[in-house]
Structures are given as structure tokens and as C-alpha cells.
């Protein structure tokens, strides 16, 4: 019984931590500046992709 309770405790804490980190990641990437002159072209593309993923995540949460 203790092993089952431990498993659910770890699962629950993982979901909570993942949700908090996901929210932090979305908020952090909302304000990222992808037009900074010191960034290489690959870094600009990566930041644009992150911004698109953050916007998609916000749209998903908004629809729920």
C-alpha cells in the first residue's frame, strides 16, 4: 500500500511541478525579444518558434 501511495504522490507532484514550469515558460517567452541585433539567425528562429508555442499554449488554456 505504501508503494502505491508513494507512486501517486510522485505522480501528483510531477503534474503540479510540470504545470508550474509550463506556466513560467509561457510567461517568460511572451516577452522574449526575437529581433535583438546580437542574436544569430538560428537563435531568432528558435525564439520565434518558442513564441508560437507559447501563444498556442495560451490559446489552448483560454479555450478550456
N, C-alpha and C. Protein backbone atom coordinates (compact mmCIF):
# COMPACT_ATOMS: atom_id res chain seq x y z
N UNK A 1 0.81 -1.19 0.00
CA UNK A 1 0.00 0.00 0.00
C UNK A 1 0.86 1.26 0.00
N UNK A 2 1.99 1.22 0.72
CA UNK A 2 2.87 2.37 0.77
C UNK A 2 3.49 2.66 -0.59
N UNK A 3 3.76 1.60 -1.36
CA UNK A 3 4.34 1.80 -2.69
C UNK A 3 3.34 2.48 -3.62
N UNK A 4 2.08 2.10 -3.52
CA UNK A 4 1.04 2.71 -4.36
C UNK A 4 0.85 4.18 -3.96
N UNK A 5 0.82 4.45 -2.67
CA UNK A 5 0.68 5.84 -2.21
C UNK A 5 1.88 6.67 -2.63
N UNK A 6 3.07 6.10 -2.56
CA UNK A 6 4.28 6.81 -3.00
C UNK A 6 4.25 7.10 -4.49
N UNK A 7 3.77 6.13 -5.26
CA UNK A 7 3.66 6.33 -6.71
C UNK A 7 2.72 7.49 -7.03
N UNK A 8 1.56 7.52 -6.39
CA UNK A 8 0.60 8.59 -6.66
C UNK A 8 1.12 9.94 -6.14
N UNK A 9 1.87 9.92 -5.05
CA UNK A 9 2.45 11.15 -4.54
C UNK A 9 3.45 11.71 -5.56
N UNK A 10 4.31 10.88 -6.10
CA UNK A 10 5.28 11.31 -7.10
C UNK A 10 4.57 11.78 -8.37
N UNK A 11 3.57 11.06 -8.79
CA UNK A 11 2.81 11.45 -9.99
C UNK A 11 2.14 12.79 -9.78
N UNK A 12 1.51 12.99 -8.64
CA UNK A 12 0.83 14.25 -8.34
C UNK A 12 1.82 15.42 -8.31
N UNK A 13 2.94 15.25 -7.63
CA UNK A 13 3.93 16.32 -7.54
C UNK A 13 4.55 16.62 -8.90
N UNK A 14 4.70 15.61 -9.74
CA UNK A 14 5.24 15.82 -11.08
C UNK A 14 4.28 16.65 -11.92
N UNK A 15 3.00 16.37 -11.83
CA UNK A 15 2.00 17.12 -12.58
C UNK A 15 1.97 18.57 -12.11
N UNK A 16 1.98 18.79 -10.79
CA UNK A 16 1.97 20.15 -10.25
C UNK A 16 3.22 20.91 -10.68
N UNK A 17 4.38 20.29 -10.54
CA UNK A 17 5.64 20.95 -10.92
C UNK A 17 5.68 21.23 -12.41
N UNK A 18 5.25 20.28 -13.23
CA UNK A 18 5.22 20.49 -14.68
C UNK A 18 4.28 21.62 -15.07
N UNK A 19 3.17 21.72 -14.40
CA UNK A 19 2.22 22.80 -14.68
C UNK A 19 2.78 24.15 -14.31
N UNK A 20 3.45 24.23 -13.17
CA UNK A 20 4.06 25.49 -12.76
C UNK A 20 5.18 25.89 -13.71
N UNK A 21 6.02 24.92 -14.09
CA UNK A 21 7.11 25.23 -15.02
C UNK A 21 6.55 25.62 -16.38
N UNK A 22 5.50 24.96 -16.83
CA UNK A 22 4.89 25.31 -18.10
C UNK A 22 4.34 26.72 -18.09
N UNK A 23 3.70 27.11 -17.00
CA UNK A 23 3.19 28.47 -16.88
C UNK A 23 4.34 29.47 -16.87
N UNK A 24 5.41 29.17 -16.15
CA UNK A 24 6.58 30.05 -16.14
C UNK A 24 7.16 30.18 -17.54
N UNK A 25 7.28 29.07 -18.26
CA UNK A 25 7.86 29.08 -19.60
C UNK A 25 7.02 29.92 -20.55
N UNK A 26 5.70 29.81 -20.46
CA UNK A 26 4.82 30.60 -21.33
C UNK A 26 4.96 32.09 -21.04
N UNK A 27 4.95 32.45 -19.77
CA UNK A 27 5.05 33.87 -19.40
C UNK A 27 6.43 34.42 -19.78
N UNK A 28 7.47 33.63 -19.57
CA UNK A 28 8.83 34.08 -19.90
C UNK A 28 8.97 34.31 -21.40
N UNK A 29 8.41 33.43 -22.21
CA UNK A 29 8.57 33.54 -23.66
C UNK A 29 7.62 34.55 -24.29
N UNK A 30 6.61 34.99 -23.56
CA UNK A 30 5.73 36.01 -24.12
C UNK A 30 6.48 37.32 -24.34
N UNK A 31 7.41 37.64 -23.46
CA UNK A 31 8.14 38.89 -23.56
C UNK A 31 9.50 38.78 -24.21
N UNK A 32 9.85 37.63 -24.75
CA UNK A 32 11.16 37.45 -25.36
C UNK A 32 11.26 38.29 -26.64
N UNK A 33 12.37 38.97 -26.79
CA UNK A 33 12.60 39.83 -27.96
C UNK A 33 13.39 39.04 -28.99
N UNK A 34 12.75 38.69 -30.09
CA UNK A 34 13.44 37.90 -31.11
C UNK A 34 14.06 38.76 -32.20
N UNK A 35 13.98 40.08 -32.09
CA UNK A 35 14.57 40.96 -33.09
C UNK A 35 15.82 41.67 -32.58
N UNK A 36 16.44 41.12 -31.56
CA UNK A 36 17.65 41.71 -30.99
C UNK A 36 18.81 41.57 -31.99
N UNK A 37 19.59 42.61 -32.22
CA UNK A 37 20.65 42.55 -33.24
C UNK A 37 21.80 41.61 -32.91
N UNK A 38 22.01 41.29 -31.63
CA UNK A 38 23.14 40.41 -31.30
C UNK A 38 22.82 38.93 -31.44
N UNK A 39 21.59 38.58 -31.79
CA UNK A 39 21.21 37.17 -31.96
C UNK A 39 21.55 36.69 -33.37
N UNK A 40 21.96 35.43 -33.46
CA UNK A 40 22.18 34.85 -34.78
C UNK A 40 20.83 34.48 -35.40
N UNK A 41 20.85 34.14 -36.67
CA UNK A 41 19.60 33.81 -37.36
C UNK A 41 18.95 32.55 -36.76
N UNK A 42 19.76 31.57 -36.35
CA UNK A 42 19.21 30.36 -35.74
C UNK A 42 18.53 30.68 -34.42
N UNK A 43 19.14 31.57 -33.62
CA UNK A 43 18.53 31.94 -32.34
C UNK A 43 17.23 32.71 -32.55
N UNK A 44 17.18 33.54 -33.58
CA UNK A 44 15.93 34.26 -33.89
C UNK A 44 14.82 33.29 -34.26
N UNK A 45 15.17 32.31 -35.09
CA UNK A 45 14.18 31.32 -35.50
C UNK A 45 13.70 30.50 -34.30
N UNK A 46 14.63 30.16 -33.41
CA UNK A 46 14.27 29.39 -32.21
C UNK A 46 13.35 30.21 -31.31
N UNK A 47 13.63 31.49 -31.14
CA UNK A 47 12.77 32.33 -30.30
C UNK A 47 11.39 32.51 -30.93
N UNK A 48 11.34 32.65 -32.25
CA UNK A 48 10.03 32.76 -32.91
C UNK A 48 9.22 31.48 -32.71
N UNK A 49 9.89 30.33 -32.81
CA UNK A 49 9.20 29.06 -32.59
C UNK A 49 8.71 28.97 -31.15
N UNK A 50 9.52 29.41 -30.18
CA UNK A 50 9.10 29.39 -28.79
C UNK A 50 7.91 30.32 -28.57
N UNK A 51 7.92 31.48 -29.20
CA UNK A 51 6.80 32.41 -29.08
C UNK A 51 5.53 31.80 -29.66
N UNK A 52 5.66 31.11 -30.79
CA UNK A 52 4.49 30.44 -31.38
C UNK A 52 3.95 29.36 -30.46
N UNK A 53 4.85 28.59 -29.84
CA UNK A 53 4.41 27.54 -28.93
C UNK A 53 3.75 28.14 -27.69
N UNK A 54 4.29 29.25 -27.19
CA UNK A 54 3.69 29.91 -26.02
C UNK A 54 2.30 30.43 -26.37
N UNK A 55 2.16 31.02 -27.55
CA UNK A 55 0.85 31.53 -27.98
C UNK A 55 -0.15 30.38 -28.15
N UNK A 56 0.31 29.27 -28.69
CA UNK A 56 -0.58 28.11 -28.85
C UNK A 56 -1.00 27.57 -27.48
N UNK A 57 -0.09 27.55 -26.52
CA UNK A 57 -0.43 27.11 -25.17
C UNK A 57 -1.45 28.02 -24.52
N UNK A 58 -1.28 29.32 -24.69
CA UNK A 58 -2.25 30.26 -24.13
C UNK A 58 -3.62 30.10 -24.79
N UNK A 59 -3.65 29.89 -26.08
CA UNK A 59 -4.91 29.67 -26.78
C UNK A 59 -5.60 28.40 -26.25
N UNK A 60 -4.83 27.35 -26.02
CA UNK A 60 -5.38 26.12 -25.51
C UNK A 60 -6.01 26.33 -24.13
N UNK A 61 -5.28 27.03 -23.24
CA UNK A 61 -5.79 27.25 -21.90
C UNK A 61 -6.99 28.19 -21.91
N UNK A 62 -7.00 29.12 -22.85
CA UNK A 62 -8.10 30.07 -22.93
C UNK A 62 -9.39 29.38 -23.37
N UNK A 63 -9.28 28.36 -24.21
CA UNK A 63 -10.45 27.65 -24.72
C UNK A 63 -11.06 26.74 -23.68
N UNK A 64 -10.31 26.32 -22.69
CA UNK A 64 -10.81 25.38 -21.68
C UNK A 64 -11.67 26.04 -20.68
